[in-house]
Structures are given as C-alpha cells and as structure tokens.
C-alpha cells in the first residue's frame, strides 16, 4: 500500500482504510504529500475532524504547522522558543502559522504566535495572497472568528 492510498483514504474520510494502513505501516504517519503536507494537515484541510483527532493521537510530536492547525498552543510555544524564526516562517503551501491558527479557529494559539513575533499583516506565499485577518474571517466558527479578528486588529493588523 502506498502513501498515496493513505492520503486518499484521509480525504475520503475512510477510517477503516486509514487504520489498516497505519497498522501495517506505522511510519506512514510521517509521510508527506508532494506539497509537503502531513496526514494531520490533509485531514484538517479536508475537514475530517474524526480522523484528525486520531491522527493527532498517533503522530507523536506535532510539527509547527500541525500544532498551529490543531491549536496545540503549548507545542507552538515550545517550538518557537527553540526556533524563534518559525513565528514568521511560511509553510510549504505558503501559509504562516498565524494564518493556520486563525483559519482553523484557535485564537489562543494565534495570541501565542502574536506574542512570539508573528507578522499580523503577513501575506501568504500562494495564490490566495491573503493576510491572517482574511484567514480569520474565512473560519467556519463564528466565535473563534471574532476572537481571532479582535486579537489581530488589536495587534496592529490592517483592517
């Protein structure tokens, strides 16, 4: 079974196939798509919440982008303390961690990133060419959308 099968199963929300693949090949959790996305990131992007929780549980230490996506604020702080430049870095698909945190509805993680020096007006390095405030406004959770937008504007994001 290939890693492409894992990513396809995640996109389709096929829990049985994901479990079968990870049981046969536990290191598949470390696989990356051609764009550099992990299984955790693919599950988040495809809105597979149940799979996302499971993948987070088996993934061990989340990387920086995964931590921002799932709202692992403690992990974000740990990684930024080790590598401060992460606060302003872009992922392989062009987003900053701040974009990811606010889009996926984690204002507390966004606040930690802002405190670590994240650029509240950073533009993505992809076709979206947007800022964190745009990402916050695209979030599906109204409560976190408002909290994230407030934190960004209070930190100087251009409205």
N, C-alpha and C. Protein backbone atom coordinates (compact mmCIF):
# COMPACT_ATOMS: atom_id res chain seq x y z
N UNK A 1 0.85 -1.18 0.00
CA UNK A 1 0.00 0.00 0.00
C UNK A 1 0.89 1.24 0.00
N UNK A 2 0.57 2.22 -0.81
CA UNK A 2 1.40 3.42 -0.93
C UNK A 2 0.89 4.53 -0.02
N UNK A 3 1.75 5.53 0.15
CA UNK A 3 1.34 6.68 0.95
C UNK A 3 0.21 7.44 0.25
N UNK A 4 0.14 7.36 -1.07
CA UNK A 4 -0.98 8.00 -1.78
C UNK A 4 -2.30 7.40 -1.32
N UNK A 5 -2.29 6.09 -1.03
CA UNK A 5 -3.50 5.45 -0.53
C UNK A 5 -3.91 6.03 0.82
N UNK A 6 -2.93 6.32 1.66
CA UNK A 6 -3.22 6.91 2.95
C UNK A 6 -3.88 8.27 2.77
N UNK A 7 -3.30 9.11 1.94
CA UNK A 7 -3.85 10.45 1.74
C UNK A 7 -5.23 10.40 1.09
N UNK A 8 -5.43 9.50 0.16
CA UNK A 8 -6.74 9.35 -0.47
C UNK A 8 -7.77 8.90 0.57
N UNK A 9 -7.39 7.96 1.42
CA UNK A 9 -8.30 7.48 2.46
C UNK A 9 -8.65 8.59 3.44
N UNK A 10 -7.68 9.43 3.76
CA UNK A 10 -7.94 10.57 4.66
C UNK A 10 -8.92 11.53 4.00
N UNK A 11 -8.66 11.88 2.75
CA UNK A 11 -9.55 12.81 2.04
C UNK A 11 -10.97 12.28 1.99
N UNK A 12 -11.12 10.96 1.83
CA UNK A 12 -12.45 10.35 1.73
C UNK A 12 -13.07 10.09 3.09
N UNK A 13 -12.31 10.29 4.15
CA UNK A 13 -12.82 10.03 5.49
C UNK A 13 -12.99 8.55 5.79
N UNK A 14 -12.19 7.72 5.15
CA UNK A 14 -12.28 6.27 5.29
C UNK A 14 -11.45 5.80 6.48
N UNK A 15 -12.06 5.82 7.66
CA UNK A 15 -11.38 5.48 8.90
C UNK A 15 -10.80 4.08 8.87
N UNK A 16 -11.55 3.10 8.34
CA UNK A 16 -11.06 1.72 8.30
C UNK A 16 -9.78 1.61 7.48
N UNK A 17 -9.76 2.25 6.32
CA UNK A 17 -8.56 2.19 5.48
C UNK A 17 -7.38 2.89 6.15
N UNK A 18 -7.63 4.04 6.76
CA UNK A 18 -6.55 4.75 7.45
C UNK A 18 -5.98 3.88 8.56
N UNK A 19 -6.86 3.26 9.35
CA UNK A 19 -6.40 2.38 10.43
C UNK A 19 -5.60 1.20 9.88
N UNK A 20 -6.07 0.61 8.80
CA UNK A 20 -5.39 -0.53 8.18
C UNK A 20 -4.00 -0.13 7.69
N UNK A 21 -3.92 1.02 7.05
CA UNK A 21 -2.62 1.48 6.52
C UNK A 21 -1.66 1.77 7.66
N UNK A 22 -2.13 2.48 8.68
CA UNK A 22 -1.25 2.83 9.79
C UNK A 22 -0.86 1.62 10.63
N UNK A 23 -1.73 0.62 10.70
CA UNK A 23 -1.38 -0.61 11.41
C UNK A 23 -0.29 -1.37 10.66
N UNK A 24 -0.41 -1.43 9.34
CA UNK A 24 0.57 -2.14 8.53
C UNK A 24 1.89 -1.38 8.42
N UNK A 25 1.80 -0.06 8.44
CA UNK A 25 2.99 0.78 8.26
C UNK A 25 2.91 1.99 9.19
N UNK A 26 3.27 1.83 10.48
CA UNK A 26 3.15 2.93 11.44
C UNK A 26 3.91 4.20 11.03
N UNK A 27 5.00 4.04 10.30
CA UNK A 27 5.77 5.22 9.89
C UNK A 27 5.07 6.03 8.80
N UNK A 28 3.94 5.53 8.29
CA UNK A 28 3.18 6.28 7.29
C UNK A 28 2.68 7.60 7.87
N UNK A 29 2.58 7.70 9.18
CA UNK A 29 2.15 8.95 9.82
C UNK A 29 3.14 10.07 9.51
N UNK A 30 4.36 9.72 9.15
CA UNK A 30 5.38 10.71 8.81
C UNK A 30 5.44 11.03 7.33
N UNK A 31 4.55 10.42 6.53
CA UNK A 31 4.53 10.66 5.08
C UNK A 31 4.14 12.11 4.79
N UNK A 32 4.52 12.56 3.62
CA UNK A 32 4.17 13.90 3.16
C UNK A 32 3.66 13.82 1.73
N UNK A 33 2.70 14.69 1.41
CA UNK A 33 2.22 14.81 0.03
C UNK A 33 3.30 15.49 -0.80
N UNK A 34 3.08 15.57 -2.09
CA UNK A 34 4.02 16.27 -2.97
C UNK A 34 4.17 17.73 -2.55
N UNK A 35 3.13 18.29 -1.94
CA UNK A 35 3.16 19.68 -1.48
C UNK A 35 3.78 19.81 -0.09
N UNK A 36 4.15 18.68 0.52
CA UNK A 36 4.78 18.70 1.83
C UNK A 36 3.82 18.63 3.00
N UNK A 37 2.57 18.27 2.75
CA UNK A 37 1.57 18.20 3.81
C UNK A 37 1.58 16.83 4.49
N UNK A 38 1.44 16.86 5.81
CA UNK A 38 1.39 15.63 6.60
C UNK A 38 -0.03 15.07 6.60
N UNK A 39 -0.20 13.83 7.07
CA UNK A 39 -1.56 13.30 7.22
C UNK A 39 -2.45 14.17 8.11
N UNK A 40 -1.89 14.73 9.17
CA UNK A 40 -2.66 15.62 10.05
C UNK A 40 -3.15 16.82 9.26
N UNK A 41 -2.28 17.43 8.48
CA UNK A 41 -2.67 18.62 7.70
C UNK A 41 -3.72 18.27 6.65
N UNK A 42 -3.56 17.14 5.99
CA UNK A 42 -4.54 16.73 4.97
C UNK A 42 -5.91 16.52 5.62
N UNK A 43 -5.94 15.88 6.77
CA UNK A 43 -7.21 15.67 7.47
C UNK A 43 -7.85 17.01 7.84
N UNK A 44 -7.05 17.96 8.29
CA UNK A 44 -7.58 19.28 8.64
C UNK A 44 -8.11 19.99 7.40
N UNK A 45 -7.34 20.01 6.33
CA UNK A 45 -7.76 20.70 5.11
C UNK A 45 -9.03 20.10 4.52
N UNK A 46 -9.21 18.80 4.67
CA UNK A 46 -10.38 18.13 4.11
C UNK A 46 -11.55 18.07 5.10
N UNK A 47 -11.38 18.68 6.27
CA UNK A 47 -12.46 18.74 7.24
C UNK A 47 -12.83 17.40 7.84
N UNK A 48 -11.86 16.53 7.96
CA UNK A 48 -12.09 15.20 8.52
C UNK A 48 -11.79 15.20 10.02
N UNK A 49 -12.68 15.79 10.80
CA UNK A 49 -12.45 16.01 12.23
C UNK A 49 -12.18 14.71 12.99
N UNK A 50 -12.96 13.68 12.76
CA UNK A 50 -12.75 12.42 13.45
C UNK A 50 -11.39 11.82 13.15
N UNK A 51 -11.03 11.83 11.90
CA UNK A 51 -9.71 11.34 11.51
C UNK A 51 -8.61 12.23 12.06
N UNK A 52 -8.85 13.52 12.07
CA UNK A 52 -7.85 14.46 12.57
C UNK A 52 -7.48 14.13 14.01
N UNK A 53 -8.48 13.93 14.84
CA UNK A 53 -8.21 13.60 16.24
C UNK A 53 -7.39 12.32 16.36
N UNK A 54 -7.73 11.33 15.57
CA UNK A 54 -7.00 10.06 15.61
C UNK A 54 -5.56 10.25 15.12
N UNK A 55 -5.38 10.98 14.05
CA UNK A 55 -4.04 11.18 13.51
C UNK A 55 -3.16 11.97 14.47
N UNK A 56 -3.75 12.96 15.13
CA UNK A 56 -3.00 13.72 16.13
C UNK A 56 -2.56 12.78 17.25
N UNK A 57 -3.45 11.89 17.67
CA UNK A 57 -3.14 10.97 18.77
C UNK A 57 -1.99 10.02 18.43
N UNK A 58 -1.88 9.61 17.17
CA UNK A 58 -0.82 8.66 16.81
C UNK A 58 0.43 9.32 16.26
N UNK A 59 0.38 10.61 16.03
CA UNK A 59 1.51 11.27 15.35
C UNK A 59 2.70 11.56 16.24
N UNK A 60 2.54 11.49 17.54
CA UNK A 60 3.67 11.82 18.42
C UNK A 60 3.79 13.33 18.51
N UNK A 61 5.00 13.84 18.42
CA UNK A 61 5.21 15.28 18.49
C UNK A 61 4.75 15.96 17.20
N UNK A 62 3.81 16.86 17.34
CA UNK A 62 3.33 17.62 16.19
C UNK A 62 4.42 18.55 15.69
N UNK A 63 4.50 18.72 14.38
CA UNK A 63 5.41 19.74 13.86
C UNK A 63 4.75 21.11 14.03
N UNK A 64 5.46 22.15 13.68
CA UNK A 64 4.98 23.51 13.90
C UNK A 64 3.66 23.80 13.20
N UNK A 65 3.56 23.39 11.95
CA UNK A 65 2.37 23.67 11.14
C UNK A 65 1.18 22.87 11.65
N UNK A 66 1.41 21.63 12.02
CA UNK A 66 0.35 20.81 12.60
C UNK A 66 -0.15 21.42 13.91
N UNK A 67 0.79 21.85 14.74
CA UNK A 67 0.43 22.45 16.03
C UNK A 67 -0.43 23.69 15.84
N UNK A 68 -0.08 24.53 14.88
CA UNK A 68 -0.87 25.73 14.61
C UNK A 68 -2.27 25.35 14.12
N UNK A 69 -2.34 24.33 13.30
CA UNK A 69 -3.60 23.90 12.70
C UNK A 69 -4.56 23.31 13.72
N UNK A 70 -4.04 22.57 14.68
CA UNK A 70 -4.92 21.90 15.65
C UNK A 70 -5.02 22.67 16.97
N UNK A 71 -4.34 23.80 17.07
CA UNK A 71 -4.45 24.62 18.27
C UNK A 71 -3.66 24.10 19.46
N UNK A 72 -2.53 23.49 19.19
CA UNK A 72 -1.66 22.98 20.25
C UNK A 72 -0.74 24.12 20.72
N UNK A 73 -1.32 25.01 21.51
CA UNK A 73 -0.63 26.24 21.91
C UNK A 73 0.66 25.96 22.67
N UNK A 74 0.64 25.01 23.56
CA UNK A 74 1.86 24.67 24.31
C UNK A 74 2.97 24.22 23.38
N UNK A 75 2.63 23.41 22.40
CA UNK A 75 3.63 22.94 21.43
C UNK A 75 4.15 24.11 20.59
N UNK A 76 3.28 25.03 20.22
CA UNK A 76 3.71 26.22 19.47
C UNK A 76 4.73 26.99 20.29
N UNK A 77 4.43 27.24 21.55
CA UNK A 77 5.36 27.98 22.41
C UNK A 77 6.71 27.26 22.52
N UNK A 78 6.65 25.95 22.69
CA UNK A 78 7.87 25.15 22.80
C UNK A 78 8.73 25.29 21.54
N UNK A 79 8.10 25.16 20.38
CA UNK A 79 8.85 25.20 19.13
C UNK A 79 9.38 26.60 18.82
N UNK A 80 8.60 27.63 19.12
CA UNK A 80 9.06 29.00 18.88
C UNK A 80 10.19 29.36 19.84
N UNK A 81 10.14 28.84 21.04
CA UNK A 81 11.25 29.08 21.97
C UNK A 81 12.55 28.47 21.44
N UNK A 82 12.44 27.32 20.78
CA UNK A 82 13.61 26.65 20.20
C UNK A 82 14.08 27.33 18.92
N UNK A 83 13.13 27.78 18.11
CA UNK A 83 13.43 28.42 16.82
C UNK A 83 12.54 29.64 16.63
N UNK A 84 12.93 30.79 17.15
CA UNK A 84 12.08 31.99 17.07
C UNK A 84 11.67 32.38 15.66
N UNK A 85 12.47 32.06 14.67
CA UNK A 85 12.15 32.43 13.29
C UNK A 85 10.91 31.72 12.76
N UNK A 86 10.48 30.65 13.42
CA UNK A 86 9.26 29.96 12.99
C UNK A 86 8.04 30.87 13.05
N UNK A 87 8.05 31.81 13.97
CA UNK A 87 6.89 32.71 14.13
C UNK A 87 6.56 33.47 12.86
N UNK A 88 7.54 33.70 12.01
CA UNK A 88 7.31 34.44 10.77
C UNK A 88 7.53 33.60 9.51
N UNK A 89 7.77 32.32 9.68
CA UNK A 89 8.04 31.43 8.53
C UNK A 89 6.75 31.09 7.78
N UNK A 90 6.92 30.61 6.56
CA UNK A 90 5.81 30.14 5.74
C UNK A 90 5.92 28.62 5.56
N UNK A 91 4.79 27.96 5.58
CA UNK A 91 4.73 26.51 5.36
C UNK A 91 5.00 26.19 3.90
N UNK A 92 5.11 24.91 3.60
CA UNK A 92 5.37 24.50 2.22
C UNK A 92 4.25 24.89 1.27
N UNK A 93 3.03 25.09 1.82
CA UNK A 93 1.93 25.51 0.95
C UNK A 93 1.64 27.01 1.07
N UNK A 94 2.57 27.75 1.68
CA UNK A 94 2.53 29.20 1.62
C UNK A 94 1.88 29.95 2.76
N UNK A 95 1.41 29.27 3.80
CA UNK A 95 0.76 29.95 4.91
C UNK A 95 1.72 30.15 6.08
N UNK A 96 1.47 31.19 6.86
CA UNK A 96 2.17 31.31 8.13
C UNK A 96 1.37 30.52 9.16
N UNK A 97 1.99 30.23 10.28
CA UNK A 97 1.28 29.53 11.35
C UNK A 97 0.11 30.37 11.85
N UNK A 98 0.27 31.69 11.81
CA UNK A 98 -0.81 32.57 12.23
C UNK A 98 -2.03 32.42 11.32
N UNK A 99 -1.81 32.34 10.02
CA UNK A 99 -2.91 32.08 9.08
C UNK A 99 -3.63 30.78 9.46
N UNK A 100 -2.85 29.75 9.71
CA UNK A 100 -3.44 28.44 10.01
C UNK A 100 -4.22 28.47 11.33
N UNK A 101 -3.63 29.06 12.35
CA UNK A 101 -4.29 29.10 13.66
C UNK A 101 -5.63 29.82 13.59
N UNK A 102 -5.67 30.96 12.93
CA UNK A 102 -6.94 31.71 12.90
C UNK A 102 -7.95 31.06 11.96
N UNK A 103 -7.50 30.50 10.86
CA UNK A 103 -8.44 29.85 9.94
C UNK A 103 -9.09 28.64 10.59
N UNK A 104 -8.31 27.86 11.32
CA UNK A 104 -8.84 26.65 11.93
C UNK A 104 -9.46 26.90 13.31
N UNK A 105 -9.58 28.18 13.69
CA UNK A 105 -10.36 28.53 14.86
C UNK A 105 -9.67 28.42 16.20
N UNK A 106 -8.41 28.83 16.26
CA UNK A 106 -7.65 28.73 17.51
C UNK A 106 -7.09 30.09 17.92
N UNK A 107 -7.95 30.99 18.44
CA UNK A 107 -7.47 32.32 18.80
C UNK A 107 -6.40 32.32 19.89
N UNK A 108 -6.43 31.34 20.81
CA UNK A 108 -5.40 31.28 21.85
C UNK A 108 -4.04 30.94 21.25
N UNK A 109 -4.03 30.11 20.25
CA UNK A 109 -2.78 29.79 19.55
C UNK A 109 -2.32 31.00 18.75
N UNK A 110 -3.26 31.69 18.13
CA UNK A 110 -2.93 32.91 17.40
C UNK A 110 -2.30 33.93 18.34
N UNK A 111 -2.85 34.09 19.53
CA UNK A 111 -2.30 35.04 20.50
C UNK A 111 -0.87 34.65 20.88
N UNK A 112 -0.62 33.37 21.07
CA UNK A 112 0.74 32.92 21.39
C UNK A 112 1.70 33.23 20.24
N UNK A 113 1.24 33.08 19.02
CA UNK A 113 2.07 33.39 17.86
C UNK A 113 2.33 34.89 17.76
N UNK A 114 1.32 35.69 18.02
CA UNK A 114 1.49 37.15 18.01
C UNK A 114 2.51 37.55 19.06
N UNK A 115 2.40 36.99 20.25
CA UNK A 115 3.35 37.29 21.32
C UNK A 115 4.76 36.85 20.96
N UNK A 116 4.87 35.83 20.11
CA UNK A 116 6.19 35.33 19.68
C UNK A 116 6.76 36.12 18.50
N UNK A 117 6.00 37.10 18.00
CA UNK A 117 6.50 37.94 16.92
C UNK A 117 5.94 37.67 15.55
N UNK A 118 4.86 36.90 15.47
CA UNK A 118 4.24 36.65 14.16
C UNK A 118 3.80 37.97 13.54
N UNK A 119 3.93 38.06 12.24
CA UNK A 119 3.57 39.26 11.50
C UNK A 119 2.07 39.23 11.20
N UNK A 120 1.32 40.13 11.84
CA UNK A 120 -0.14 40.14 11.69
C UNK A 120 -0.59 40.64 10.31
N UNK A 121 0.33 41.15 9.52
CA UNK A 121 -0.03 41.58 8.17
C UNK A 121 0.71 40.76 7.10
N UNK A 122 1.28 39.62 7.49
CA UNK A 122 2.00 38.77 6.54
C UNK A 122 1.05 38.29 5.45
N UNK A 123 1.56 38.24 4.25
CA UNK A 123 0.78 37.72 3.13
C UNK A 123 1.19 36.28 2.87
N UNK A 124 0.24 35.49 2.43
CA UNK A 124 0.56 34.12 2.07
C UNK A 124 1.47 34.12 0.85
N UNK A 125 2.21 33.04 0.70
CA UNK A 125 3.04 32.86 -0.49
C UNK A 125 2.40 31.78 -1.35
N UNK A 126 1.17 32.06 -1.74
CA UNK A 126 0.42 31.17 -2.62
C UNK A 126 -0.61 32.00 -3.38
N UNK A 127 -1.43 31.35 -4.15
CA UNK A 127 -2.39 32.06 -5.00
C UNK A 127 -3.42 32.86 -4.20
N UNK A 128 -3.65 32.53 -2.95
CA UNK A 128 -4.62 33.28 -2.15
C UNK A 128 -4.14 34.69 -1.85
N UNK A 129 -2.84 34.86 -1.68
CA UNK A 129 -2.24 36.17 -1.41
C UNK A 129 -3.07 36.95 -0.38
N UNK A 130 -3.31 36.31 0.78
CA UNK A 130 -4.11 36.99 1.79
C UNK A 130 -3.33 37.18 3.09
N UNK A 131 -3.94 37.87 4.02
CA UNK A 131 -3.36 38.15 5.32
C UNK A 131 -4.10 37.35 6.39
N UNK A 132 -3.53 37.24 7.60
CA UNK A 132 -4.21 36.49 8.65
C UNK A 132 -5.65 36.95 8.93
N UNK A 133 -5.92 38.24 8.82
CA UNK A 133 -7.29 38.71 9.06
C UNK A 133 -8.26 38.11 8.04
N UNK A 134 -7.80 37.96 6.80
CA UNK A 134 -8.64 37.31 5.79
C UNK A 134 -8.90 35.86 6.18
N UNK A 135 -7.85 35.18 6.63
CA UNK A 135 -7.98 33.78 7.04
C UNK A 135 -8.93 33.66 8.23
N UNK A 136 -8.82 34.57 9.18
CA UNK A 136 -9.71 34.54 10.35
C UNK A 136 -11.16 34.70 9.91
N UNK A 137 -11.41 35.59 8.97
CA UNK A 137 -12.77 35.83 8.51
C UNK A 137 -13.32 34.67 7.69
N UNK A 138 -12.44 33.80 7.22
CA UNK A 138 -12.89 32.63 6.47
C UNK A 138 -13.14 31.43 7.38
N UNK A 139 -12.83 31.56 8.65
CA UNK A 139 -13.04 30.47 9.60
C UNK A 139 -14.52 30.13 9.70
N UNK A 140 -14.82 28.87 9.88
CA UNK A 140 -16.22 28.45 9.94
C UNK A 140 -16.85 28.65 11.32
N UNK A 141 -16.05 28.93 12.34
CA UNK A 141 -16.57 29.09 13.70
C UNK A 141 -16.70 30.58 14.02
N UNK A 142 -17.92 31.06 14.16
CA UNK A 142 -18.17 32.49 14.37
C UNK A 142 -17.50 33.02 15.63
N UNK A 143 -17.54 32.28 16.70
CA UNK A 143 -16.96 32.75 17.96
C UNK A 143 -15.44 32.89 17.85
N UNK A 144 -14.78 31.89 17.29
CA UNK A 144 -13.33 31.98 17.16
C UNK A 144 -12.95 33.00 16.08
N UNK A 145 -13.79 33.14 15.07
CA UNK A 145 -13.54 34.13 14.01
C UNK A 145 -13.47 35.53 14.63
N UNK A 146 -14.43 35.85 15.48
CA UNK A 146 -14.46 37.15 16.13
C UNK A 146 -13.27 37.33 17.08
N UNK A 147 -12.98 36.33 17.89
CA UNK A 147 -11.86 36.42 18.83
C UNK A 147 -10.53 36.57 18.10
N UNK A 148 -10.37 35.83 17.01
CA UNK A 148 -9.13 35.93 16.24
C UNK A 148 -9.01 37.29 15.56
N UNK A 149 -10.09 37.75 14.97
CA UNK A 149 -10.07 39.05 14.30
C UNK A 149 -9.75 40.15 15.31
N UNK A 150 -10.34 40.09 16.48
CA UNK A 150 -10.07 41.08 17.52
C UNK A 150 -8.59 41.06 17.92
N UNK A 151 -8.04 39.87 18.15
CA UNK A 151 -6.63 39.76 18.53
C UNK A 151 -5.71 40.32 17.44
N UNK A 152 -6.04 40.03 16.19
CA UNK A 152 -5.23 40.53 15.08
C UNK A 152 -5.28 42.04 14.97
N UNK A 153 -6.47 42.62 15.03
CA UNK A 153 -6.63 44.07 14.91
C UNK A 153 -5.95 44.77 16.10
N UNK A 154 -6.15 44.23 17.30
CA UNK A 154 -5.50 44.83 18.48
C UNK A 154 -3.98 44.76 18.38
N UNK A 155 -3.46 43.78 17.64
CA UNK A 155 -2.01 43.66 17.45
C UNK A 155 -1.51 44.47 16.25
N UNK A 156 -2.42 45.18 15.58
CA UNK A 156 -2.00 46.05 14.50
C UNK A 156 -2.29 45.58 13.09
N UNK A 157 -3.05 44.51 12.95
CA UNK A 157 -3.39 44.04 11.59
C UNK A 157 -4.20 45.11 10.88
N UNK A 158 -3.87 45.38 9.62
CA UNK A 158 -4.64 46.39 8.90
C UNK A 158 -6.04 45.88 8.55
N UNK A 159 -7.07 46.63 9.00
CA UNK A 159 -8.44 46.18 8.70
C UNK A 159 -8.75 46.45 7.29
